[in-house]
Amino acid sequence: MIWLHHVVQRALWCCSLLALVSVLAGCGPSADDLLRDLKVANAEKRLRAVTVLVKIKDPRAVEPFMKLLKEDESFYLRRKAAHGLGVLGDPQAVPVLLEAAQRDADGFVREAAIQALGQLKATEAKEMLLAALESVERPRLRRASAFALGAIGQPEAVAPLVAALQDTDPSVRGAAAWALGELGEKEAVKPLISLLVEELEESVKAEVATALGRLEDRRAILPLVEALQDRDPKVQERSAEAIEALSTEIIQRALVLGLKEEVTGLHTKVTALEENLQRFQDETKASLRRLEQRTVAPAEAPSSSKAPTVAPPQGAASPPPPVVAAGGPATSLPANVPPALAPLVLRGRPVIIADLDKFTYTGIRGCRCHLKEKEGQVYKKRKHREAFKRLKGKDRKDPKCLKCHVTALGKKIKGGKPFLKGNQCEACHGPGSEYRDRPLKELYRKDPLEARKRSLELGLLIAGVNIDKKKLCAQCHWDGNDPEAPNKCPKSDKVFDFKKYYKKMKHTNVDPIDKVIATLSPKERKEWAAILPVP
């Protein structure tokens, strides 16, 4: 039926255009004639009258338009009448438009009525628009409601519009971003910045950049600068315009605060280097003393046949029987490792594997610290980021496709989303609700090793530490050995070369934990050997 709607619309539009041209040329009917034509039976004449009266903005047309909107059988004429009432701007049309926005049988008429209510800045429509934004099924109506709320300018709409930034339809997300920019409330800055980082649709990112420029907040400057490097020219252009729109005072304040943060970071690094240097000096002195004592009174040579062992903590349960990993020797399985994850335990060394089902996925927003560094820049260029975009049509709803093209399908996700689009950080590193907690970040500065241990217990996965690298990739990528493998894509026979692609995908700098390990004493190394890969 939609195609029929468009055919009728195109034919009537052509007729109304010819009528408008004739009026402007001075050879058509007068305004009085057009007002009379609104009452005739001929649909073409009524449409011509509506179109021209809207163009000339004749206020006498308000009441006839209201009657058309309530009674006319033609959905296209009702839609044009609703649009005309918005253009004419008479508040007396608000009750009729409210009625049409809620009860008209045609979705296009309801959309036009909602848009007209926004043009009229009808505060009476606020409750209806908020309800439509949250519950109506048609994306067009949710989008129109978002635009109308932004035009009306009610601060109470900020929270529902922020929620609409996560709508499944890109046009609704873009409309919500525009509306938040119009409202000018500072509480929208943070969610808009998050959307600018996470969003995959370029049209939405462009609207978000424009909205951030209107909100005049220094927090938006760095994300907008990063968006200047986006591959879409429209996003680049909107980001540049947004930065230009920010006042000089805002930019100067951001620069000053940014320099302060940089100085603080440098001070922290210098302090850590000084502490490490002191530790190294103490270890060197202790080694020299031991060497002098051996020179004076040589002790028995230590046996090299026994490997150092680490005593289990007090109260710890006795270790479970060894579990044989696929294709390898027996491995001691820690008590807190779910049996389903047993094949992923590294051979020959106990590890910490948390029960991942206890934690919640938070999305790439939780990885912002990394996204400012090399890891984030590399991630933005990887195909993992675009995995969901490559799905088309019905595949976007097929669980067999989604399990490899999205993150956390069927898992607990912040905000109740069904999944996170693309292969985000947590697809490989586990749900981040706990291990990205601020106190844990503070602990990383004071005691990196203890912080890493707690992170592993709180759901962090690190390839090669507590999850096997190859098996991690093989959850989605097919190695070609088993034609019936559950991870083989039914639409592609592409074989995954682990050695080639894992090396290509490596995206970390030198881990700061490795630098700390290099300063450990032999006793400390033994203590941590059961938790971290100590070289």
Protein backbone atom coordinates (compact mmCIF):
# COMPACT_ATOMS: atom_id res chain seq x y z
CA MET A 1 0.00 0.00 0.00
CA ILE A 2 2.93 2.34 0.53
CA TRP A 3 3.70 2.40 -3.19
CA LEU A 4 0.09 3.40 -3.92
CA HIS A 5 0.40 6.19 -1.37
CA HIS A 6 3.47 7.54 -3.16
CA VAL A 7 1.85 7.33 -6.61
CA VAL A 8 -1.19 9.30 -5.44
CA GLN A 9 1.05 11.78 -3.67
CA ARG A 10 3.15 12.38 -6.79
CA ALA A 11 0.08 12.92 -9.04
CA LEU A 12 -1.61 15.34 -6.65
CA TRP A 13 1.64 17.17 -6.05
CA CYS A 14 2.03 17.83 -9.78
CA CYS A 15 -1.50 19.25 -9.95
CA SER A 16 -0.94 21.52 -6.96
CA LEU A 17 2.35 22.75 -8.40
CA LEU A 18 0.66 23.77 -11.65
CA ALA A 19 -2.02 25.60 -9.63
CA LEU A 20 0.59 27.48 -7.61
CA VAL A 21 2.46 28.56 -10.73
CA SER A 22 -0.75 29.87 -12.30
CA VAL A 23 -1.62 31.89 -9.16
CA LEU A 24 1.84 33.40 -8.94
CA ALA A 25 1.63 34.33 -12.63
CA GLY A 26 -1.59 36.22 -11.93
CA CYS A 27 -3.78 34.05 -14.13
CA GLY A 28 -5.19 31.70 -11.51
CA PRO A 29 -8.08 31.82 -9.02
CA SER A 30 -8.16 34.38 -6.19
CA ALA A 31 -7.82 33.54 -2.49
CA ASP A 32 -11.61 33.73 -2.14
CA ASP A 33 -12.03 31.24 -4.98
CA LEU A 34 -9.53 28.91 -3.32
CA LEU A 35 -11.39 29.07 -0.01
CA ARG A 36 -14.57 28.08 -1.82
CA ASP A 37 -12.74 25.26 -3.59
CA LEU A 38 -11.96 23.67 -0.21
CA LYS A 39 -15.64 22.71 0.01
CA VAL A 40 -16.04 21.16 -3.46
CA ALA A 41 -16.17 17.42 -4.13
CA ASN A 42 -13.27 17.39 -6.59
CA ALA A 43 -10.14 16.17 -4.70
CA GLU A 44 -7.76 17.84 -7.17
CA LYS A 45 -9.36 21.25 -6.65
CA ARG A 46 -9.27 20.84 -2.86
CA LEU A 47 -5.61 19.90 -3.01
CA ARG A 48 -4.81 22.86 -5.26
CA ALA A 49 -6.58 25.17 -2.84
CA VAL A 50 -4.73 23.75 0.20
CA THR A 51 -1.33 24.03 -1.47
CA VAL A 52 -1.73 27.61 -2.64
CA LEU A 53 -3.34 28.85 0.60
CA VAL A 54 -0.40 27.43 2.54
CA LYS A 55 2.06 29.16 0.24
CA ILE A 56 0.36 32.54 0.55
CA LYS A 57 -0.27 31.93 4.29
CA ASP A 58 -3.87 33.11 4.24
CA PRO A 59 -5.09 33.04 7.90
CA ARG A 60 -8.68 32.51 6.77
CA ALA A 61 -7.71 28.94 5.82
CA VAL A 62 -7.23 27.76 9.43
CA GLU A 63 -10.82 26.70 10.11
CA PRO A 64 -11.33 24.98 6.70
CA PHE A 65 -8.02 23.16 7.19
CA MET A 66 -9.15 21.96 10.63
CA LYS A 67 -12.34 20.62 9.09
CA LEU A 68 -10.40 18.88 6.31
CA LEU A 69 -8.10 17.26 8.87
CA LYS A 70 -11.06 15.90 10.84
CA GLU A 71 -13.37 14.86 8.03
CA ASP A 72 -11.72 14.49 4.58
CA GLU A 73 -11.50 10.95 3.19
CA SER A 74 -8.23 11.56 1.33
CA PHE A 75 -5.23 10.74 3.55
CA TYR A 76 -3.07 12.98 1.38
CA LEU A 77 -5.37 15.97 1.82
CA ARG A 78 -5.50 15.37 5.59
CA ARG A 79 -1.73 15.28 5.63
CA LYS A 80 -1.46 18.53 3.64
CA ALA A 81 -4.02 20.16 5.94
CA ALA A 82 -2.01 19.18 9.03
CA HIS A 83 1.14 20.57 7.43
CA GLY A 84 -0.73 23.77 6.53
CA LEU A 85 -1.93 24.28 10.10
CA GLY A 86 1.68 24.07 11.30
CA VAL A 87 2.78 26.66 8.72
CA LEU A 88 -0.09 29.05 9.47
CA GLY A 89 0.81 28.92 13.16
CA ASP A 90 -2.62 29.48 14.72
CA PRO A 91 -2.84 28.02 18.30
CA GLN A 92 -6.54 27.25 17.91
CA ALA A 93 -5.54 24.29 15.70
CA VAL A 94 -3.72 22.50 18.56
CA PRO A 95 -6.69 20.37 19.81
CA VAL A 96 -7.48 19.16 16.29
CA LEU A 97 -3.82 18.35 15.63
CA LEU A 98 -3.57 16.47 18.94
CA GLU A 99 -6.57 14.38 17.99
CA ALA A 100 -5.10 13.58 14.56
CA ALA A 101 -1.66 12.80 16.00
CA GLN A 102 -3.15 10.15 18.26
CA ARG A 103 -6.08 8.70 16.36
CA ASP A 104 -5.81 9.23 12.60
CA ALA A 105 -5.83 5.93 10.71
CA ASP A 106 -2.94 6.95 8.43
CA GLY A 107 0.60 7.02 9.79
CA PHE A 108 1.69 9.79 7.43
CA VAL A 109 -1.14 12.03 8.67
CA ARG A 110 -0.15 11.36 12.29
CA GLU A 111 3.44 12.23 11.45
CA ALA A 112 2.41 15.52 9.80
CA ALA A 113 0.23 16.40 12.81
CA ILE A 114 3.10 15.76 15.23
CA GLN A 115 5.40 17.95 13.13
CA ALA A 116 2.76 20.71 13.11
CA LEU A 117 2.50 20.56 16.91
CA GLY A 118 6.24 21.12 17.07
CA GLN A 119 5.99 24.10 14.72
CA LEU A 120 3.25 25.56 16.92
CA LYS A 121 5.39 24.89 20.06
CA ALA A 122 2.31 23.32 21.60
CA THR A 123 3.22 22.60 25.24
CA GLU A 124 -0.16 20.83 25.57
CA ALA A 125 1.24 18.05 23.39
CA LYS A 126 4.21 17.32 25.66
CA GLU A 127 2.75 14.24 27.40
CA MET A 128 1.51 12.76 24.13
CA LEU A 129 4.87 13.31 22.43
CA LEU A 130 6.80 11.77 25.33
CA ALA A 131 4.55 8.71 25.25
CA ALA A 132 4.94 8.39 21.47
CA LEU A 133 8.72 8.69 21.70
CA GLU A 134 8.93 5.83 24.18
CA SER A 135 6.22 3.41 23.05
CA VAL A 136 5.05 3.91 19.47
CA GLU A 137 6.16 1.19 17.05
CA ARG A 138 6.66 3.22 13.86
CA PRO A 139 10.14 4.82 13.67
CA ARG A 140 8.76 7.74 11.61
CA LEU A 141 6.45 8.73 14.46
CA ARG A 142 9.18 8.39 17.09
CA ARG A 143 11.44 10.55 14.93
CA ALA A 144 8.72 13.20 14.45
CA SER A 145 8.06 13.20 18.21
CA ALA A 146 11.74 13.79 18.94
CA PHE A 147 11.87 16.72 16.52
CA ALA A 148 8.68 18.19 18.01
CA LEU A 149 9.98 17.92 21.59
CA GLY A 150 13.14 19.74 20.57
CA ALA A 151 11.14 22.47 18.87
CA ILE A 152 8.78 22.90 21.84
CA GLY A 153 11.76 23.19 24.18
CA GLN A 154 10.59 21.50 27.38
CA PRO A 155 13.46 20.59 29.79
CA GLU A 156 11.45 17.57 31.03
CA ALA A 157 12.09 15.96 27.64
CA VAL A 158 15.86 15.65 28.19
CA ALA A 159 15.80 12.24 29.91
CA PRO A 160 13.47 10.57 27.35
CA LEU A 161 15.51 12.07 24.50
CA VAL A 162 18.74 10.77 26.05
CA ALA A 163 17.12 7.33 26.19
CA ALA A 164 16.12 7.73 22.52
CA LEU A 165 19.82 8.06 21.64
CA GLN A 166 19.88 4.26 22.00
CA ASP A 167 16.87 3.69 19.71
CA THR A 168 17.22 0.86 17.20
CA ASP A 169 16.40 3.18 14.27
CA PRO A 170 19.18 5.57 13.14
CA SER A 171 16.74 8.31 12.10
CA VAL A 172 15.30 8.39 15.63
CA ARG A 173 18.78 8.61 17.17
CA GLY A 174 19.63 11.49 14.84
CA ALA A 175 16.39 13.32 15.68
CA ALA A 176 17.00 12.85 19.41
CA ALA A 177 20.51 14.31 19.04
CA TRP A 178 19.14 17.32 17.16
CA ALA A 179 16.47 17.87 19.81
CA LEU A 180 18.99 17.72 22.66
CA GLY A 181 21.07 20.33 20.87
CA GLU A 182 17.99 22.54 20.63
CA LEU A 183 17.14 22.13 24.32
CA GLY A 184 20.65 23.21 25.34
CA GLU A 185 20.75 21.24 28.62
CA LYS A 186 24.26 20.33 29.82
CA GLU A 187 23.22 16.91 31.11
CA ALA A 188 22.95 15.80 27.47
CA VAL A 189 26.67 16.41 26.79
CA LYS A 190 28.01 13.16 28.23
CA PRO A 191 25.53 10.81 26.48
CA LEU A 192 26.04 12.68 23.20
CA ILE A 193 29.83 12.28 23.49
CA SER A 194 29.35 8.56 24.15
CA LEU A 195 27.14 8.25 21.08
CA LEU A 196 29.71 10.11 18.96
CA VAL A 197 32.28 7.47 19.96
CA GLU A 198 30.02 4.42 19.62
CA GLU A 199 27.76 5.29 16.67
CA LEU A 200 28.33 3.53 13.35
CA GLU A 201 25.78 5.43 11.22
CA GLU A 202 27.48 8.48 9.73
CA SER A 203 24.27 10.52 9.41
CA VAL A 204 23.66 10.14 13.15
CA LYS A 205 27.26 11.08 14.00
CA ALA A 206 26.88 14.25 11.94
CA GLU A 207 23.77 15.27 13.93
CA VAL A 208 25.54 14.49 17.21
CA ALA A 209 28.51 16.67 16.24
CA THR A 210 26.17 19.57 15.43
CA ALA A 211 24.33 19.14 18.73
CA LEU A 212 27.59 19.18 20.71
CA GLY A 213 28.56 22.41 19.00
CA ARG A 214 25.30 24.02 20.19
CA LEU A 215 25.74 22.89 23.79
CA GLU A 216 28.91 24.96 24.35
CA ASP A 217 30.70 22.55 26.68
CA ARG A 218 34.47 22.05 26.87
CA ARG A 219 34.07 18.28 27.34
CA ALA A 220 32.98 18.02 23.69
CA ILE A 221 36.16 19.50 22.21
CA LEU A 222 38.42 16.43 22.25
CA PRO A 223 35.73 14.04 20.91
CA LEU A 224 34.95 16.55 18.14
CA VAL A 225 38.64 16.83 17.28
CA GLU A 226 38.81 13.03 17.01
CA ALA A 227 35.70 13.08 14.81
CA LEU A 228 37.59 15.31 12.36
CA GLN A 229 39.44 12.13 11.38
CA ASP A 230 36.23 10.25 10.55
CA ARG A 231 36.16 8.70 7.10
CA ASP A 232 32.82 10.34 6.22
CA PRO A 233 33.21 13.89 4.81
CA LYS A 234 29.88 14.98 6.26
CA VAL A 235 30.95 14.03 9.78
CA GLN A 236 34.25 15.85 9.27
CA GLU A 237 32.42 18.96 8.04
CA ARG A 238 29.87 18.98 10.88
CA SER A 239 32.61 18.42 13.48
CA ALA A 240 34.63 21.33 12.09
CA GLU A 241 31.52 23.55 12.17
CA ALA A 242 30.79 22.48 15.76
CA ILE A 243 34.31 23.33 16.91
CA GLU A 244 34.09 26.66 15.14
CA ALA A 245 30.75 27.33 16.87
CA LEU A 246 32.28 26.87 20.33
CA SER A 247 33.24 30.16 21.93
CA THR A 248 36.90 31.11 22.35
CA GLU A 249 36.43 31.13 26.12
CA ILE A 250 35.25 27.50 26.13
CA ILE A 251 38.20 26.38 23.99
CA GLN A 252 40.75 28.23 26.13
CA ARG A 253 39.30 26.74 29.30
CA ALA A 254 39.49 23.23 27.82
CA LEU A 255 43.11 23.77 26.80
CA VAL A 256 44.09 24.98 30.26
CA LEU A 257 42.37 22.07 32.01
CA GLY A 258 43.80 19.64 29.47
CA LEU A 259 47.32 20.90 30.19
CA LYS A 260 46.70 20.52 33.92
CA GLU A 261 45.60 16.91 33.42
CA GLU A 262 48.67 16.25 31.28
CA VAL A 263 50.99 17.73 33.92
CA THR A 264 49.28 15.60 36.61
CA GLY A 265 49.74 12.50 34.47
CA LEU A 266 53.41 13.28 33.91
CA HIS A 267 53.89 13.82 37.63
CA THR A 268 52.33 10.40 38.35
CA LYS A 269 54.62 8.73 35.80
CA VAL A 270 57.71 10.44 37.25
CA THR A 271 56.72 9.32 40.76
CA ALA A 272 56.28 5.73 39.58
CA LEU A 273 59.68 5.81 37.82
CA GLU A 274 61.33 7.12 40.97
CA GLU A 275 59.74 4.34 43.05
CA ASN A 276 60.86 1.70 40.54
CA LEU A 277 64.37 3.14 40.48
CA GLN A 278 64.52 3.03 44.28
CA ARG A 279 63.32 -0.57 44.28
CA PHE A 280 65.91 -1.49 41.66
CA GLN A 281 68.66 0.15 43.73
CA ASP A 282 67.56 -1.72 46.87
CA GLU A 283 67.54 -5.02 44.97
CA THR A 284 71.00 -4.29 43.57
CA LYS A 285 72.39 -3.56 47.03
CA ALA A 286 70.81 -6.75 48.43
CA SER A 287 72.28 -8.78 45.57
CA LEU A 288 75.74 -7.32 46.25
CA ARG A 289 75.45 -8.18 49.95
CA ARG A 290 74.45 -11.77 49.14
CA LEU A 291 77.38 -12.03 46.73
CA GLU A 292 79.80 -10.77 49.40
CA GLN A 293 78.45 -13.28 51.94
CA ARG A 294 78.88 -16.14 49.47
CA THR A 295 82.44 -15.03 48.79
CA VAL A 296 83.29 -15.12 52.52
CA ALA A 297 81.33 -18.26 53.46
CA PRO A 298 80.02 -20.08 50.38
CA ALA A 299 76.73 -21.83 51.04
CA GLU A 300 75.48 -25.03 49.49
CA ALA A 301 74.60 -24.65 45.86
CA PRO A 302 70.84 -24.50 45.43
CA SER A 303 69.28 -27.46 43.73
CA SER A 304 68.06 -26.58 40.26
CA SER A 305 66.00 -29.73 39.89
CA LYS A 306 63.10 -28.43 41.96
CA ALA A 307 60.82 -25.72 40.64
CA PRO A 308 59.61 -23.12 43.13
CA THR A 309 56.08 -23.67 44.34
CA VAL A 310 53.54 -21.27 45.69
CA ALA A 311 51.56 -22.22 48.80
CA PRO A 312 47.83 -21.84 48.38
CA PRO A 313 46.14 -19.16 50.48
CA GLN A 314 44.77 -20.10 53.89
CA GLY A 315 41.30 -21.52 53.75
CA ALA A 316 41.55 -22.33 50.04
CA ALA A 317 39.84 -25.47 48.83
CA SER A 318 41.99 -28.37 47.76
CA PRO A 319 42.71 -28.29 44.03
CA PRO A 320 40.35 -30.27 41.81
CA PRO A 321 41.59 -33.20 39.77
CA PRO A 322 43.50 -32.37 36.60
CA VAL A 323 41.47 -31.61 33.49
CA VAL A 324 42.82 -32.60 30.11
CA ALA A 325 42.67 -29.71 27.65
CA ALA A 326 42.01 -30.57 24.02
CA GLY A 327 45.20 -31.69 22.35
CA GLY A 328 47.42 -31.13 25.40
CA PRO A 329 48.64 -32.53 28.72
CA ALA A 330 46.69 -32.51 31.98
CA THR A 331 46.15 -29.07 33.49
CA SER A 332 45.22 -28.21 37.07
CA LEU A 333 41.80 -26.58 36.92
CA PRO A 334 41.14 -23.83 39.53
CA ALA A 335 38.04 -24.29 41.66
CA ASN A 336 36.30 -21.18 40.29
CA VAL A 337 36.61 -22.16 36.61
CA PRO A 338 33.25 -23.19 35.07
CA PRO A 339 33.55 -26.67 33.44
CA ALA A 340 32.47 -25.20 30.08
CA LEU A 341 35.63 -23.06 30.07
CA ALA A 342 37.98 -25.92 30.93
CA PRO A 343 39.28 -26.29 27.34
CA LEU A 344 40.41 -22.66 27.42
CA VAL A 345 42.65 -23.05 30.48
CA LEU A 346 46.30 -22.57 29.59
CA ARG A 347 48.43 -25.66 29.83
CA GLY A 348 50.81 -26.15 32.71
CA ARG A 349 49.85 -23.07 34.77
CA PRO A 350 46.85 -22.32 37.01
CA VAL A 351 44.97 -19.18 36.05
CA ILE A 352 42.07 -17.07 37.24
CA ILE A 353 38.90 -17.37 35.18
CA ALA A 354 35.87 -15.56 36.56
CA ASP A 355 32.26 -16.63 36.13
CA LEU A 356 31.47 -14.19 33.30
CA ASP A 357 27.70 -14.61 33.67
CA LYS A 358 27.81 -12.63 36.92
CA PHE A 359 28.91 -9.43 35.17
CA THR A 360 27.30 -6.96 32.77
CA TYR A 361 28.47 -5.72 29.37
CA THR A 362 28.71 -1.95 29.21
CA GLY A 363 29.71 -1.20 25.59
CA ILE A 364 32.68 0.60 24.14
CA ARG A 365 31.89 3.64 26.24
CA GLY A 366 33.60 1.89 29.15
CA CYS A 367 36.85 1.70 27.17
CA ARG A 368 37.28 5.42 26.55
CA CYS A 369 40.65 5.56 28.29
CA HIS A 370 42.06 3.06 25.83
CA LEU A 371 40.37 4.70 22.87
CA LYS A 372 42.50 7.81 23.39
CA GLU A 373 45.66 5.75 22.95
CA LYS A 374 47.11 3.55 20.28
CA GLU A 375 44.69 0.68 20.98
CA GLY A 376 41.67 2.78 20.15
CA GLN A 377 43.13 4.24 16.96
CA VAL A 378 43.95 0.77 15.69
CA TYR A 379 40.53 -0.58 16.69
CA LYS A 380 38.76 2.11 14.66
CA LYS A 381 40.51 0.84 11.52
CA ARG A 382 39.70 -2.83 12.08
CA LYS A 383 36.93 -4.81 10.43
CA HIS A 384 35.76 -5.98 13.86
CA ARG A 385 34.27 -2.53 14.44
CA GLU A 386 32.16 -2.78 11.26
CA ALA A 387 31.03 -6.39 11.76
CA PHE A 388 27.34 -5.58 12.26
CA LYS A 389 27.28 -3.19 9.30
CA ARG A 390 28.25 -6.04 6.99
CA LEU A 391 25.01 -7.87 7.81
CA LYS A 392 22.13 -7.05 5.47
CA GLY A 393 18.38 -7.68 5.52
CA LYS A 394 17.19 -10.71 7.50
CA ASP A 395 20.73 -11.55 8.61
CA ARG A 396 20.53 -8.61 11.05
CA LYS A 397 17.96 -10.58 13.05
CA ASP A 398 19.37 -14.09 12.59
CA PRO A 399 21.02 -15.34 15.82
CA LYS A 400 23.34 -17.54 13.77
CA CYS A 401 24.81 -14.41 12.18
CA LEU A 402 24.53 -12.13 15.20
CA LYS A 403 26.55 -14.44 17.45
CA CYS A 404 29.70 -13.48 15.53
CA HIS A 405 28.83 -10.01 14.22
CA VAL A 406 27.76 -8.41 17.51
CA THR A 407 28.92 -8.41 21.11
CA ALA A 408 27.18 -10.02 24.11
CA LEU A 409 24.22 -11.57 22.27
CA GLY A 410 21.97 -13.10 24.94
CA LYS A 411 24.08 -11.69 27.80
CA LYS A 412 23.40 -9.06 30.44
CA ILE A 413 23.92 -5.62 28.86
CA LYS A 414 23.67 -2.22 30.51
CA GLY A 415 20.44 -0.51 29.46
CA GLY A 416 18.74 -3.80 28.53
CA LYS A 417 19.94 -3.83 24.91
CA PRO A 418 19.62 -7.12 22.97
CA PHE A 419 23.25 -6.84 21.84
CA LEU A 420 26.10 -4.38 21.19
CA LYS A 421 26.72 -3.66 17.51
CA GLY A 422 30.01 -4.90 16.06
CA ASN A 423 32.82 -6.76 17.80
CA GLN A 424 33.58 -4.29 20.56
CA CYS A 425 36.34 -4.47 23.18
CA GLU A 426 34.30 -6.71 25.48
CA ALA A 427 33.88 -9.34 22.74
CA CYS A 428 37.46 -10.41 23.51
CA HIS A 429 38.05 -8.94 26.97
CA GLY A 430 34.86 -9.99 28.75
CA PRO A 431 32.04 -7.97 30.41
CA GLY A 432 33.47 -4.76 31.85
CA SER A 433 30.93 -3.68 34.46
CA GLU A 434 33.34 -4.44 37.32
CA TYR A 435 36.89 -4.44 36.02
CA ARG A 436 36.56 -0.91 34.61
CA ASP A 437 35.42 0.45 37.98
CA ARG A 438 37.08 3.73 39.04
CA PRO A 439 38.54 2.41 42.37
CA LEU A 440 40.21 -0.35 40.40
CA LYS A 441 41.76 2.23 38.07
CA GLU A 442 43.14 4.03 41.12
CA LEU A 443 44.57 0.73 42.38
CA TYR A 444 46.38 0.26 39.05
CA ARG A 445 48.38 3.40 39.85
CA LYS A 446 49.31 2.21 43.36
CA ASP A 447 49.67 -1.57 42.97
CA PRO A 448 49.40 -2.71 39.33
CA LEU A 449 49.89 -6.40 40.11
CA GLU A 450 47.13 -6.54 42.70
CA ALA A 451 44.89 -4.53 40.38
CA ARG A 452 45.50 -6.97 37.53
CA LYS A 453 44.68 -9.91 39.81
CA ARG A 454 41.42 -8.31 40.88
CA SER A 455 40.57 -7.45 37.27
CA LEU A 456 40.95 -11.10 36.27
CA GLU A 457 38.67 -12.09 39.14
CA LEU A 458 36.13 -9.47 38.03
CA GLY A 459 35.71 -10.73 34.47
CA LEU A 460 38.70 -9.36 32.52
CA LEU A 461 39.93 -11.72 29.80
CA ILE A 462 43.47 -11.34 28.42
CA ALA A 463 44.48 -13.55 25.53
CA GLY A 464 47.45 -15.66 26.56
CA VAL A 465 46.90 -15.05 30.27
CA ASN A 466 43.55 -16.52 31.26
CA ILE A 467 42.13 -17.49 27.89
CA ASP A 468 43.84 -19.29 25.05
CA LYS A 469 44.51 -16.97 22.10
CA LYS A 470 43.62 -19.37 19.32
CA LYS A 471 40.47 -20.68 21.01
CA LEU A 472 39.33 -17.13 21.66
CA CYS A 473 39.47 -16.31 17.94
CA ALA A 474 38.03 -19.70 16.97
CA GLN A 475 34.74 -18.88 18.71
CA CYS A 476 33.82 -17.05 15.48
CA HIS A 477 36.57 -17.68 12.93
CA TRP A 478 36.71 -21.01 11.07
CA ASP A 479 40.12 -22.66 10.68
CA GLY A 480 38.98 -24.95 7.86
CA ASN A 481 39.72 -28.24 9.66
CA ASP A 482 36.13 -29.22 10.41
CA PRO A 483 33.55 -28.59 7.64
CA GLU A 484 30.71 -29.14 10.17
CA ALA A 485 32.14 -26.78 12.80
CA PRO A 486 29.45 -24.64 14.50
CA ASN A 487 31.44 -21.49 13.82
CA LYS A 488 31.64 -22.06 10.04
CA CYS A 489 29.76 -19.27 8.28
CA PRO A 490 26.97 -20.69 6.05
CA LYS A 491 27.53 -17.86 3.55
CA SER A 492 31.32 -17.95 3.31
CA ASP A 493 34.09 -20.53 3.02
CA LYS A 494 36.81 -18.13 4.15
CA VAL A 495 39.45 -19.90 6.25
CA PHE A 496 41.03 -18.17 9.25
CA ASP A 497 44.86 -18.32 9.38
CA PHE A 498 45.47 -17.75 13.10
CA LYS A 499 49.21 -17.00 12.94
CA LYS A 500 48.76 -14.49 10.15
CA TYR A 501 45.71 -12.64 11.47
CA TYR A 502 46.48 -12.63 15.18
CA LYS A 503 49.80 -10.96 14.49
CA LYS A 504 48.00 -8.46 12.26
CA MET A 505 45.36 -7.79 14.92
CA LYS A 506 47.83 -7.16 17.75
CA HIS A 507 46.83 -3.75 19.10
CA THR A 508 48.54 -3.15 22.44
CA ASN A 509 51.56 -1.17 23.46
CA VAL A 510 53.99 -2.70 25.96
CA ASP A 511 51.81 -3.67 28.91
CA PRO A 512 52.68 -1.55 31.97
CA ILE A 513 52.33 -4.73 34.03
CA ASP A 514 55.31 -6.18 32.12
CA LYS A 515 57.38 -3.20 33.16
CA VAL A 516 56.49 -3.79 36.80
CA ILE A 517 57.32 -7.50 36.52
CA ALA A 518 60.80 -6.59 35.32
CA THR A 519 61.46 -4.91 38.69
CA LEU A 520 60.23 -7.81 40.88
CA SER A 521 62.48 -9.69 43.26
CA PRO A 522 62.77 -13.48 42.86
CA LYS A 523 60.42 -13.98 45.82
CA GLU A 524 57.81 -11.70 44.31
CA ARG A 525 58.12 -13.45 40.97
CA LYS A 526 57.31 -16.79 42.60
CA GLU A 527 54.33 -15.25 44.36
CA TRP A 528 52.85 -13.93 41.09
CA ALA A 529 53.88 -16.73 38.74
CA ALA A 530 50.55 -18.49 39.31
CA ILE A 531 48.61 -15.39 38.23
CA LEU A 532 50.58 -13.51 35.60
CA PRO A 533 52.84 -14.72 32.78
CA VAL A 534 56.17 -13.86 34.40
CA PRO A 535 59.04 -14.11 31.88
